Amino acid sequence: MEPNLLKELGQIAGIGGIAVGVFLLLFRDVIRKKIFPKLTKSQAYRVILVFMILTWSVAIAGVAAWWISNSKAAAPAAEGKLLTIAASIWKVDLDAKGEMVATREFAGATNETILPAVIGELAEWIFAQLGVADRKPLQSVRVKMQIPANLGSQKPRFERIPDGPMEVLLWDLRGGGKLRLPLDWETVKQMEADFQLEVRVPGSAPTLVTVSPGTALDKELELSPGGVGVGVEQFSGLGDGISERLCPELSANVLIKVVDPGLLKTIRDEVTKHNELLRRNPQIQMSIRSLGLDYIISGSVRSEQPAQK
């Protein structure tokens, strides 16, 4: 019975509980000795008082030791692990992630919680990389095209006004199929039938221009401004919920058109599903083939134990 009593008190109150149990057991044994009838009231009082003072001193010391030890053990848990966001911005090339534009890491927070300020910092960094941090309305863009009649001896020339990122893609329809390739002079020199060039400028809708070999083309395009299309992939690692929190931050910038991870996956699946049909019809591809994006954001979240001070 006595060991069980001490065990239960120890589980409840640690060392302090054991001390109280020892006091009770010892005091019970003292009473069994029947020494109190032999003592004066003053002596009996002093015996009881000494027992109480010694026992409660041990109990208080035990509780203090238990509290200190548990506080030290809980300290690392309170600090948690340091979360770090690794984010990358990719240029969209042929409806897939192409060249990496920029990458950066952001220190998150402890207790496995990414603070809103960190998500805001990530969004502002993306705006800066895409050139829309000032949130000023996008300007209209003009593109001058000079396509020589003799493509075998002269290269096509393209100029964007104002200067900035631009991509020109070649639609090769030879063989009854379709290839959509970055513009390459060696390929252009081999073109004998009409072909199309797709002009893409971030923030503007893509434009198709038909070119006839043997006929010079001097054309200036006026591209109306639109939003910069940004697709956000699901962040990996401990990134559950990061993409969903980032999308509203990006959407707060009126110059950004955001495609969230769910819709991005749906569009990619649709492109794959209709790939063969779309390869044979460029005009259809212009309407439903493309991801409609200029950039893709990807990333991951990892945790690290903070360095001990």
C-alpha atoms as a PDB file:
ATOM      1  CA  MET A   1       0.000   0.000   0.000  1.00  0.00           C
ATOM      2  CA  GLU A   2       2.770   2.439   0.969  1.00  0.00           C
ATOM      3  CA  PRO A   3       4.752   2.084  -2.306  1.00  0.00           C
ATOM      4  CA  ASN A   4       1.545   2.541  -4.317  1.00  0.00           C
ATOM      5  CA  LEU A   5       0.695   5.682  -2.350  1.00  0.00           C
ATOM      6  CA  LEU A   6       4.116   7.198  -2.960  1.00  0.00           C
ATOM      7  CA  LYS A   7       3.968   6.217  -6.650  1.00  0.00           C
ATOM      8  CA  GLU A   8       0.594   7.871  -7.151  1.00  0.00           C
ATOM      9  CA  LEU A   9       1.645  11.036  -5.311  1.00  0.00           C
ATOM     10  CA  GLY A  10       4.865  11.132  -7.329  1.00  0.00           C
ATOM     11  CA  GLN A  11       2.959  10.880 -10.611  1.00  0.00           C
ATOM     12  CA  ILE A  12       0.640  13.672  -9.549  1.00  0.00           C
ATOM     13  CA  ALA A  13       3.043  16.153  -7.982  1.00  0.00           C
ATOM     14  CA  GLY A  14       6.544  14.800  -8.590  1.00  0.00           C
ATOM     15  CA  ILE A  15       9.127  15.164  -5.815  1.00  0.00           C
ATOM     16  CA  GLY A  16       6.795  17.420  -3.820  1.00  0.00           C
ATOM     17  CA  GLY A  17       4.092  14.767  -3.825  1.00  0.00           C
ATOM     18  CA  ILE A  18       6.544  12.107  -2.647  1.00  0.00           C
ATOM     19  CA  ALA A  19       7.666  14.407   0.159  1.00  0.00           C
ATOM     20  CA  VAL A  20       4.082  14.878   1.329  1.00  0.00           C
ATOM     21  CA  GLY A  21       3.554  11.119   1.206  1.00  0.00           C
ATOM     22  CA  VAL A  22       6.677  10.508   3.282  1.00  0.00           C
ATOM     23  CA  PHE A  23       5.410  13.050   5.859  1.00  0.00           C
ATOM     24  CA  LEU A  24       2.095  11.271   6.138  1.00  0.00           C
ATOM     25  CA  LEU A  25       3.708   7.852   6.538  1.00  0.00           C
ATOM     26  CA  LEU A  26       6.263   9.018   9.091  1.00  0.00           C
ATOM     27  CA  PHE A  27       3.688  10.950  11.086  1.00  0.00           C
ATOM     28  CA  ARG A  28       1.469   7.883  11.116  1.00  0.00           C
ATOM     29  CA  ASP A  29       4.343   5.820  12.516  1.00  0.00           C
ATOM     30  CA  VAL A  30       5.073   8.442  15.137  1.00  0.00           C
ATOM     31  CA  ILE A  31       1.454   8.289  16.246  1.00  0.00           C
ATOM     32  CA  ARG A  32       1.668   4.483  16.434  1.00  0.00           C
ATOM     33  CA  LYS A  33       4.609   4.810  18.861  1.00  0.00           C
ATOM     34  CA  LYS A  34       2.220   6.478  21.280  1.00  0.00           C
ATOM     35  CA  ILE A  35       4.860   8.958  22.411  1.00  0.00           C
ATOM     36  CA  PHE A  36       2.551  11.939  22.590  1.00  0.00           C
ATOM     37  CA  PRO A  37       0.965  10.915  25.945  1.00  0.00           C
ATOM     38  CA  LYS A  38       4.482  11.011  27.414  1.00  0.00           C
ATOM     39  CA  LEU A  39       5.165  14.533  26.119  1.00  0.00           C
ATOM     40  CA  THR A  40       3.922  17.827  27.360  1.00  0.00           C
ATOM     41  CA  LYS A  41       1.659  19.812  25.087  1.00  0.00           C
ATOM     42  CA  SER A  42       4.548  22.136  24.245  1.00  0.00           C
ATOM     43  CA  GLN A  43       6.834  19.238  23.322  1.00  0.00           C
ATOM     44  CA  ALA A  44       4.162  17.532  21.226  1.00  0.00           C
ATOM     45  CA  TYR A  45       3.505  20.766  19.423  1.00  0.00           C
ATOM     46  CA  ARG A  46       7.197  21.194  18.660  1.00  0.00           C
ATOM     47  CA  VAL A  47       7.496  17.631  17.303  1.00  0.00           C
ATOM     48  CA  ILE A  48       4.555  18.153  14.971  1.00  0.00           C
ATOM     49  CA  LEU A  49       5.853  21.582  13.931  1.00  0.00           C
ATOM     50  CA  VAL A  50       9.326  20.207  13.122  1.00  0.00           C
ATOM     51  CA  PHE A  51       7.803  17.404  11.027  1.00  0.00           C
ATOM     52  CA  MET A  52       5.664  19.876   9.125  1.00  0.00           C
ATOM     53  CA  ILE A  53       8.479  22.380   8.519  1.00  0.00           C
ATOM     54  CA  LEU A  54      10.958  19.760   7.332  1.00  0.00           C
ATOM     55  CA  THR A  55       8.431  17.950   5.163  1.00  0.00           C
ATOM     56  CA  TRP A  56       6.997  21.051   3.538  1.00  0.00           C
ATOM     57  CA  SER A  57      10.485  22.413   2.933  1.00  0.00           C
ATOM     58  CA  VAL A  58      11.339  19.248   1.040  1.00  0.00           C
ATOM     59  CA  ALA A  59       8.005  19.432  -0.775  1.00  0.00           C
ATOM     60  CA  ILE A  60       8.528  23.041  -1.818  1.00  0.00           C
ATOM     61  CA  ALA A  61      12.091  22.316  -2.925  1.00  0.00           C
ATOM     62  CA  GLY A  62      10.840  19.308  -4.887  1.00  0.00           C
ATOM     63  CA  VAL A  63       8.114  21.295  -6.607  1.00  0.00           C
ATOM     64  CA  ALA A  64      10.643  24.049  -7.452  1.00  0.00           C
ATOM     65  CA  ALA A  65      13.068  21.482  -8.873  1.00  0.00           C
ATOM     66  CA  TRP A  66      10.280  19.878 -10.884  1.00  0.00           C
ATOM     67  CA  TRP A  67       9.164  23.254 -12.274  1.00  0.00           C
ATOM     68  CA  ILE A  68      12.709  24.314 -13.221  1.00  0.00           C
ATOM     69  CA  SER A  69      13.508  21.009 -14.910  1.00  0.00           C
ATOM     70  CA  ASN A  70      10.264  21.056 -16.891  1.00  0.00           C
ATOM     71  CA  SER A  71      10.791  24.690 -17.898  1.00  0.00           C
ATOM     72  CA  LYS A  72      14.239  23.888 -19.287  1.00  0.00           C
ATOM     73  CA  ALA A  73      12.917  20.852 -21.122  1.00  0.00           C
ATOM     74  CA  ALA A  74      10.050  22.856 -22.592  1.00  0.00           C
ATOM     75  CA  ALA A  75      12.251  25.764 -23.731  1.00  0.00           C
ATOM     76  CA  PRO A  76      13.468  24.141 -26.991  1.00  0.00           C
ATOM     77  CA  ALA A  77       9.912  23.069 -27.781  1.00  0.00           C
ATOM     78  CA  ALA A  78       8.719  26.645 -27.283  1.00  0.00           C
ATOM     79  CA  GLU A  79      11.384  27.887 -29.635  1.00  0.00           C
ATOM     80  CA  GLY A  80      10.277  25.335 -32.198  1.00  0.00           C
ATOM     81  CA  LYS A  81      12.073  24.933 -35.501  1.00  0.00           C
ATOM     82  CA  LEU A  82      13.070  27.689 -37.863  1.00  0.00           C
ATOM     83  CA  LEU A  83      11.080  27.556 -41.089  1.00  0.00           C
ATOM     84  CA  THR A  84      12.707  28.719 -44.313  1.00  0.00           C
ATOM     85  CA  ILE A  85      10.876  29.391 -47.587  1.00  0.00           C
ATOM     86  CA  ALA A  86      12.853  28.785 -50.782  1.00  0.00           C
ATOM     87  CA  ALA A  87      11.027  30.442 -53.703  1.00  0.00           C
ATOM     88  CA  SER A  88      11.874  30.551 -57.410  1.00  0.00           C
ATOM     89  CA  ILE A  89      10.450  32.499 -60.347  1.00  0.00           C
ATOM     90  CA  TRP A  90      10.477  30.761 -63.724  1.00  0.00           C
ATOM     91  CA  LYS A  91       9.860  32.168 -67.152  1.00  0.00           C
ATOM     92  CA  VAL A  92       7.188  30.258 -69.048  1.00  0.00           C
ATOM     93  CA  ASP A  93       8.662  28.736 -72.193  1.00  0.00           C
ATOM     94  CA  LEU A  94       6.466  26.630 -74.492  1.00  0.00           C
ATOM     95  CA  ASP A  95       3.873  26.272 -71.735  1.00  0.00           C
ATOM     96  CA  ALA A  96       6.392  24.910 -69.238  1.00  0.00           C
ATOM     97  CA  LYS A  97       8.905  26.252 -66.777  1.00  0.00           C
ATOM     98  CA  GLY A  98      11.832  27.538 -68.765  1.00  0.00           C
ATOM     99  CA  GLU A  99      14.634  29.820 -67.634  1.00  0.00           C
ATOM    100  CA  MET A 100      14.836  30.674 -63.941  1.00  0.00           C
ATOM    101  CA  VAL A 101      14.439  34.401 -63.413  1.00  0.00           C
ATOM    102  CA  ALA A 102      15.383  34.562 -59.732  1.00  0.00           C
ATOM    103  CA  THR A 103      15.465  32.526 -56.534  1.00  0.00           C
ATOM    104  CA  ARG A 104      15.662  33.517 -52.879  1.00  0.00           C
ATOM    105  CA  GLU A 105      15.189  32.159 -49.377  1.00  0.00           C
ATOM    106  CA  PHE A 106      13.049  33.777 -46.699  1.00  0.00           C
ATOM    107  CA  ALA A 107      13.400  33.084 -42.988  1.00  0.00           C
ATOM    108  CA  GLY A 108       9.980  32.144 -41.694  1.00  0.00           C
ATOM    109  CA  ALA A 109       9.203  31.776 -38.000  1.00  0.00           C
ATOM    110  CA  THR A 110       9.294  29.296 -35.168  1.00  0.00           C
ATOM    111  CA  ASN A 111       6.575  26.973 -33.891  1.00  0.00           C
ATOM    112  CA  GLU A 112       6.004  25.860 -37.499  1.00  0.00           C
ATOM    113  CA  THR A 113       4.068  29.024 -38.334  1.00  0.00           C
ATOM    114  CA  ILE A 114       4.910  31.323 -41.234  1.00  0.00           C
ATOM    115  CA  LEU A 115       4.104  34.872 -40.176  1.00  0.00           C
ATOM    116  CA  PRO A 116       1.964  37.051 -42.490  1.00  0.00           C
ATOM    117  CA  ALA A 117       4.851  39.541 -42.719  1.00  0.00           C
ATOM    118  CA  VAL A 118       7.029  36.843 -44.321  1.00  0.00           C
ATOM    119  CA  ILE A 119       4.359  36.051 -46.930  1.00  0.00           C
ATOM    120  CA  GLY A 120       4.110  39.781 -47.629  1.00  0.00           C
ATOM    121  CA  GLU A 121       7.879  40.027 -48.022  1.00  0.00           C
ATOM    122  CA  LEU A 122       7.812  37.118 -50.475  1.00  0.00           C
ATOM    123  CA  ALA A 123       5.063  38.788 -52.520  1.00  0.00           C
ATOM    124  CA  GLU A 124       6.913  42.126 -52.650  1.00  0.00           C
ATOM    125  CA  TRP A 125      10.051  40.347 -53.837  1.00  0.00           C
ATOM    126  CA  ILE A 126       8.059  38.724 -56.657  1.00  0.00           C
ATOM    127  CA  PHE A 127       6.614  42.123 -57.646  1.00  0.00           C
ATOM    128  CA  ALA A 128      10.110  43.598 -57.780  1.00  0.00           C
ATOM    129  CA  GLN A 129      11.412  40.772 -59.973  1.00  0.00           C
ATOM    130  CA  LEU A 130       8.478  41.121 -62.383  1.00  0.00           C
ATOM    131  CA  GLY A 131       8.786  44.907 -62.571  1.00  0.00           C
ATOM    132  CA  VAL A 132       5.386  45.703 -61.063  1.00  0.00           C
ATOM    133  CA  ALA A 133       6.445  46.750 -57.552  1.00  0.00           C
ATOM    134  CA  ASP A 134       5.384  50.366 -58.103  1.00  0.00           C
ATOM    135  CA  ARG A 135       1.904  49.185 -59.164  1.00  0.00           C
ATOM    136  CA  LYS A 136       1.809  51.781 -61.932  1.00  0.00           C
ATOM    137  CA  PRO A 137      -0.447  50.916 -64.892  1.00  0.00           C
ATOM    138  CA  LEU A 138       1.376  48.973 -67.578  1.00  0.00           C
ATOM    139  CA  GLN A 139       2.194  50.867 -70.758  1.00  0.00           C
ATOM    140  CA  SER A 140       1.169  49.894 -74.233  1.00  0.00           C
ATOM    141  CA  VAL A 141       3.955  48.103 -76.057  1.00  0.00           C
ATOM    142  CA  ARG A 142       4.863  48.464 -79.714  1.00  0.00           C
ATOM    143  CA  VAL A 143       6.747  45.768 -81.591  1.00  0.00           C
ATOM    144  CA  LYS A 144       8.408  46.502 -84.934  1.00  0.00           C
ATOM    145  CA  MET A 145       8.868  43.494 -87.215  1.00  0.00           C
ATOM    146  CA  GLN A 146      11.010  43.438 -90.347  1.00  0.00           C
ATOM    147  CA  ILE A 147      10.818  40.152 -92.231  1.00  0.00           C
ATOM    148  CA  PRO A 148      12.964  40.099 -95.425  1.00  0.00           C
ATOM    149  CA  ALA A 149      11.726  38.467 -98.596  1.00  0.00           C
ATOM    150  CA  ASN A 150      14.867  36.365 -98.821  1.00  0.00           C
ATOM    151  CA  LEU A 151      14.993  34.559 -95.480  1.00  0.00           C
ATOM    152  CA  GLY A 152      18.011  32.579 -96.636  1.00  0.00           C
ATOM    153  CA  SER A 153      20.311  35.579 -96.621  1.00  0.00           C
ATOM    154  CA  GLN A 154      18.794  38.047 -94.163  1.00  0.00           C
ATOM    155  CA  LYS A 155      17.644  37.574 -90.610  1.00  0.00           C
ATOM    156  CA  PRO A 156      14.259  38.810 -89.348  1.00  0.00           C
ATOM    157  CA  ARG A 157      14.472  41.799 -87.000  1.00  0.00           C
ATOM    158  CA  PHE A 158      12.271  42.567 -84.012  1.00  0.00           C
ATOM    159  CA  GLU A 159      12.279  45.610 -81.769  1.00  0.00           C
ATOM    160  CA  ARG A 160      10.188  46.212 -78.669  1.00  0.00           C
ATOM    161  CA  ILE A 161       9.319  49.799 -77.691  1.00  0.00           C
ATOM    162  CA  PRO A 162       9.925  50.464 -74.844  1.00  0.00           C
ATOM    163  CA  ASP A 163      12.698  47.921 -74.478  1.00  0.00           C
ATOM    164  CA  GLY A 164      11.985  44.932 -72.261  1.00  0.00           C
ATOM    165  CA  PRO A 165      11.367  41.182 -72.239  1.00  0.00           C
ATOM    166  CA  MET A 166       9.885  39.732 -75.413  1.00  0.00           C
ATOM    167  CA  GLU A 167       9.657  36.262 -76.897  1.00  0.00           C
ATOM    168  CA  VAL A 168       9.065  35.326 -80.539  1.00  0.00           C
ATOM    169  CA  LEU A 169       7.993  31.754 -81.288  1.00  0.00           C
ATOM    170  CA  LEU A 170       7.831  29.967 -84.617  1.00  0.00           C
ATOM    171  CA  TRP A 171       4.860  27.807 -85.537  1.00  0.00           C
ATOM    172  CA  ASP A 172       6.170  25.127 -87.876  1.00  0.00           C
ATOM    173  CA  LEU A 173       3.219  23.485 -89.632  1.00  0.00           C
ATOM    174  CA  ARG A 174       5.162  21.292 -92.017  1.00  0.00           C
ATOM    175  CA  GLY A 175       4.241  17.641 -92.220  1.00  0.00           C
ATOM    176  CA  GLY A 176       0.615  18.180 -91.205  1.00  0.00           C
ATOM    177  CA  GLY A 177       1.556  18.631 -87.587  1.00  0.00           C
ATOM    178  CA  LYS A 178       2.717  21.576 -85.557  1.00  0.00           C
ATOM    179  CA  LEU A 179       5.859  22.497 -83.740  1.00  0.00           C
ATOM    180  CA  ARG A 180       6.030  25.595 -81.581  1.00  0.00           C
ATOM    181  CA  LEU A 181       9.672  26.576 -81.275  1.00  0.00           C
ATOM    182  CA  PRO A 182      11.724  29.542 -80.182  1.00  0.00           C
ATOM    183  CA  LEU A 183      12.560  31.599 -83.267  1.00  0.00           C
ATOM    184  CA  ASP A 184      15.730  30.288 -84.883  1.00  0.00           C
ATOM    185  CA  TRP A 185      17.164  31.601 -88.142  1.00  0.00           C
ATOM    186  CA  GLU A 186      18.389  28.179 -89.271  1.00  0.00           C
ATOM    187  CA  THR A 187      14.821  26.874 -89.041  1.00  0.00           C
ATOM    188  CA  VAL A 188      13.339  30.000 -90.665  1.00  0.00           C
ATOM    189  CA  LYS A 189      15.641  29.622 -93.693  1.00  0.00           C
ATOM    190  CA  GLN A 190      14.084  26.244 -94.432  1.00  0.00           C
ATOM    191  CA  MET A 191      10.499  27.535 -94.467  1.00  0.00           C
ATOM    192  CA  GLU A 192       8.944  27.357 -97.941  1.00  0.00           C
ATOM    193  CA  ALA A 193       5.241  27.679 -97.099  1.00  0.00           C
ATOM    194  CA  ASP A 194       3.395  30.248 -94.998  1.00  0.00           C
ATOM    195  CA  PHE A 195       4.159  30.068 -91.311  1.00  0.00           C
ATOM    196  CA  GLN A 196       3.224  32.026 -88.235  1.00  0.00           C
ATOM    197  CA  LEU A 197       5.168  33.890 -85.591  1.00  0.00           C
ATOM    198  CA  GLU A 198       3.820  34.354 -82.085  1.00  0.00           C
ATOM    199  CA  VAL A 199       4.924  37.512 -80.293  1.00  0.00           C
ATOM    200  CA  ARG A 200       4.756  37.313 -76.513  1.00  0.00           C
ATOM    201  CA  VAL A 201       5.331  40.225 -74.157  1.00  0.00           C
ATOM    202  CA  PRO A 202       4.702  39.853 -70.413  1.00  0.00           C
ATOM    203  CA  GLY A 203       1.579  41.774 -69.500  1.00  0.00           C
ATOM    204  CA  SER A 204       0.089  41.642 -73.010  1.00  0.00           C
ATOM    205  CA  ALA A 205      -1.937  39.069 -74.888  1.00  0.00           C
ATOM    206  CA  PRO A 206       0.123  36.966 -77.359  1.00  0.00           C
ATOM    207  CA  THR A 207      -0.245  37.970 -81.008  1.00  0.00           C
ATOM    208  CA  LEU A 208       0.059  35.830 -84.149  1.00  0.00           C
ATOM    209  CA  VAL A 209       1.522  37.157 -87.405  1.00  0.00           C
ATOM    210  CA  THR A 210       1.466  35.196 -90.670  1.00  0.00           C
ATOM    211  CA  VAL A 211       4.633  35.280 -92.759  1.00  0.00           C
ATOM    212  CA  SER A 212       4.884  34.293 -96.444  1.00  0.00           C
ATOM    213  CA  PRO A 213       8.368  33.321 -97.666  1.00  0.00           C
ATOM    214  CA  GLY A 214       9.384  35.493-100.632  1.00  0.00           C
ATOM    215  CA  THR A 215       7.273  38.431 -99.434  1.00  0.00           C
ATOM    216  CA  ALA A 216       8.820  41.140 -97.303  1.00  0.00           C
ATOM    217  CA  LEU A 217       6.912  42.167 -94.210  1.00  0.00           C
ATOM    218  CA  ASP A 218       7.395  45.466 -92.417  1.00  0.00           C
ATOM    219  CA  LYS A 219       4.854  45.632 -89.640  1.00  0.00           C
ATOM    220  CA  GLU A 220       4.348  47.424 -86.341  1.00  0.00           C
ATOM    221  CA  LEU A 221       2.167  45.822 -83.679  1.00  0.00           C
ATOM    222  CA  GLU A 222       0.390  47.695 -80.893  1.00  0.00           C
ATOM    223  CA  LEU A 223       0.010  45.434 -77.883  1.00  0.00           C
ATOM    224  CA  SER A 224      -2.541  46.613 -75.361  1.00  0.00           C
ATOM    225  CA  PRO A 225      -1.491  46.238 -71.724  1.00  0.00           C
ATOM    226  CA  GLY A 226      -2.988  43.513 -69.616  1.00  0.00           C
ATOM    227  CA  GLY A 227      -2.041  41.750 -66.435  1.00  0.00           C
ATOM    228  CA  VAL A 228       1.140  39.770 -65.964  1.00  0.00           C
ATOM    229  CA  GLY A 229       0.064  36.127 -65.787  1.00  0.00           C
ATOM    230  CA  VAL A 230       1.570  34.321 -62.800  1.00  0.00           C
ATOM    231  CA  GLY A 231       0.944  30.682 -61.949  1.00  0.00           C
ATOM    232  CA  VAL A 232       1.645  29.499 -58.421  1.00  0.00           C
ATOM    233  CA  GLU A 233       2.574  25.868 -57.901  1.00  0.00           C
ATOM    234  CA  GLN A 234       1.929  24.002 -54.667  1.00  0.00           C
ATOM    235  CA  PHE A 235       4.926  24.524 -52.382  1.00  0.00           C
ATOM    236  CA  SER A 236       6.594  21.271 -51.350  1.00  0.00           C
ATOM    237  CA  GLY A 237       8.020  20.112 -48.039  1.00  0.00           C
ATOM    238  CA  LEU A 238       6.288  21.789 -45.122  1.00  0.00           C
ATOM    239  CA  GLY A 239       4.651  24.202 -47.531  1.00  0.00           C
ATOM    240  CA  ASP A 240       1.027  23.142 -46.971  1.00  0.00           C
ATOM    241  CA  GLY A 241      -1.035  26.318 -47.133  1.00  0.00           C
ATOM    242  CA  ILE A 242       1.798  28.634 -48.249  1.00  0.00           C
ATOM    243  CA  SER A 243       0.604  28.782 -51.873  1.00  0.00           C
ATOM    244  CA  GLU A 244      -2.956  29.492 -50.745  1.00  0.00           C
ATOM    245  CA  ARG A 245      -1.718  32.353 -48.567  1.00  0.00           C
ATOM    246  CA  LEU A 246       0.561  33.739 -51.277  1.00  0.00           C
ATOM    247  CA  CYS A 247      -2.079  33.924 -54.030  1.00  0.00           C
ATOM    248  CA  PRO A 248      -4.226  36.627 -52.329  1.00  0.00           C
ATOM    249  CA  GLU A 249      -1.089  38.664 -51.623  1.00  0.00           C
ATOM    250  CA  LEU A 250      -0.179  38.562 -55.327  1.00  0.00           C
ATOM    251  CA  SER A 251      -3.759  39.276 -56.410  1.00  0.00           C
ATOM    252  CA  ALA A 252      -3.710  42.472 -54.324  1.00  0.00           C
ATOM    253  CA  ASN A 253      -1.517  43.916 -57.089  1.00  0.00           C
ATOM    254  CA  VAL A 254      -3.906  44.862 -59.907  1.00  0.00           C
ATOM    255  CA  LEU A 255      -1.150  44.263 -62.465  1.00  0.00           C
ATOM    256  CA  ILE A 256      -0.947  40.562 -61.579  1.00  0.00           C
ATOM    257  CA  LYS A 257      -3.268  37.848 -62.884  1.00  0.00           C
ATOM    258  CA  VAL A 258      -2.860  34.890 -60.551  1.00  0.00           C
ATOM    259  CA  VAL A 259      -3.532  31.250 -61.356  1.00  0.00           C
ATOM    260  CA  ASP A 260      -3.658  29.219 -58.157  1.00  0.00           C
ATOM    261  CA  PRO A 261      -2.223  25.676 -57.858  1.00  0.00           C
ATOM    262  CA  GLY A 262      -5.574  23.957 -58.436  1.00  0.00           C
ATOM    263  CA  LEU A 263      -6.410  25.887 -61.605  1.00  0.00           C
ATOM    264  CA  LEU A 264      -2.826  25.593 -62.851  1.00  0.00           C
ATOM    265  CA  LYS A 265      -3.043  21.808 -62.607  1.00  0.00           C
ATOM    266  CA  THR A 266      -6.389  21.821 -64.408  1.00  0.00           C
ATOM    267  CA  ILE A 267      -4.993  23.887 -67.290  1.00  0.00           C
ATOM    268  CA  ARG A 268      -1.944  21.646 -67.582  1.00  0.00           C
ATOM    269  CA  ASP A 269      -4.145  18.547 -67.666  1.00  0.00           C
ATOM    270  CA  GLU A 270      -6.318  20.143 -70.353  1.00  0.00           C
ATOM    271  CA  VAL A 271      -3.297  20.986 -72.503  1.00  0.00           C
ATOM    272  CA  THR A 272      -2.052  17.407 -72.243  1.00  0.00           C
ATOM    273  CA  LYS A 273      -5.490  15.947 -72.950  1.00  0.00           C
ATOM    274  CA  HIS A 274      -5.974  17.876 -76.170  1.00  0.00           C
ATOM    275  CA  ASN A 275      -2.359  17.930 -77.253  1.00  0.00           C
ATOM    276  CA  GLU A 276      -2.797  16.098 -80.555  1.00  0.00           C
ATOM    277  CA  LEU A 277      -5.806  18.150 -81.664  1.00  0.00           C
ATOM    278  CA  LEU A 278      -4.175  21.387 -80.682  1.00  0.00           C
ATOM    279  CA  ARG A 279      -0.927  20.533 -82.447  1.00  0.00           C
ATOM    280  CA  ARG A 280      -2.794  20.473 -85.767  1.00  0.00           C
ATOM    281  CA  ASN A 281      -4.598  23.805 -85.376  1.00  0.00           C
ATOM    282  CA  PRO A 282      -2.626  26.880 -84.308  1.00  0.00           C
ATOM    283  CA  GLN A 283      -5.700  29.109 -84.042  1.00  0.00           C
ATOM    284  CA  ILE A 284      -7.343  26.737 -81.596  1.00  0.00           C
ATOM    285  CA  GLN A 285      -4.100  26.599 -79.679  1.00  0.00           C
ATOM    286  CA  MET A 286      -4.138  30.358 -79.309  1.00  0.00           C
ATOM    287  CA  SER A 287      -7.499  30.139 -77.535  1.00  0.00           C
ATOM    288  CA  ILE A 288      -7.260  27.051 -75.340  1.00  0.00           C
ATOM    289  CA  ARG A 289      -3.773  25.588 -75.733  1.00  0.00           C
ATOM    290  CA  SER A 290      -1.690  28.036 -73.814  1.00  0.00           C
ATOM    291  CA  LEU A 291      -1.244  28.209 -70.065  1.00  0.00           C
ATOM    292  CA  GLY A 292      -1.759  31.919 -70.561  1.00  0.00           C
ATOM    293  CA  LEU A 293       1.063  32.658 -68.155  1.00  0.00           C
ATOM    294  CA  ASP A 294       4.212  34.707 -68.250  1.00  0.00           C
ATOM    295  CA  TYR A 295       5.812  33.303 -65.085  1.00  0.00           C
ATOM    296  CA  ILE A 296       5.481  30.408 -62.669  1.00  0.00           C
ATOM    297  CA  ILE A 297       6.280  30.546 -58.962  1.00  0.00           C
ATOM    298  CA  SER A 298       7.516  27.391 -57.256  1.00  0.00           C
ATOM    299  CA  GLY A 299       9.029  26.733 -53.871  1.00  0.00           C
ATOM    300  CA  SER A 300       9.439  24.635 -50.785  1.00  0.00           C
ATOM    301  CA  VAL A 301       9.460  25.051 -47.021  1.00  0.00           C
ATOM    302  CA  ARG A 302      11.958  23.314 -44.780  1.00  0.00           C
ATOM    303  CA  SER A 303      12.534  23.369 -41.035  1.00  0.00           C
ATOM    304  CA  GLU A 304      15.811  23.627 -39.182  1.00  0.00           C
ATOM    305  CA  GLN A 305      16.647  23.539 -35.499  1.00  0.00           C
ATOM    306  CA  PRO A 306      17.739  27.035 -34.401  1.00  0.00           C
ATOM    307  CA  ALA A 307      21.399  27.345 -33.450  1.00  0.00           C
ATOM    308  CA  GLN A 308      21.972  27.088 -29.727  1.00  0.00           C
ATOM    309  CA  LYS A 309      23.051  30.364 -28.143  1.00  0.00           C
END
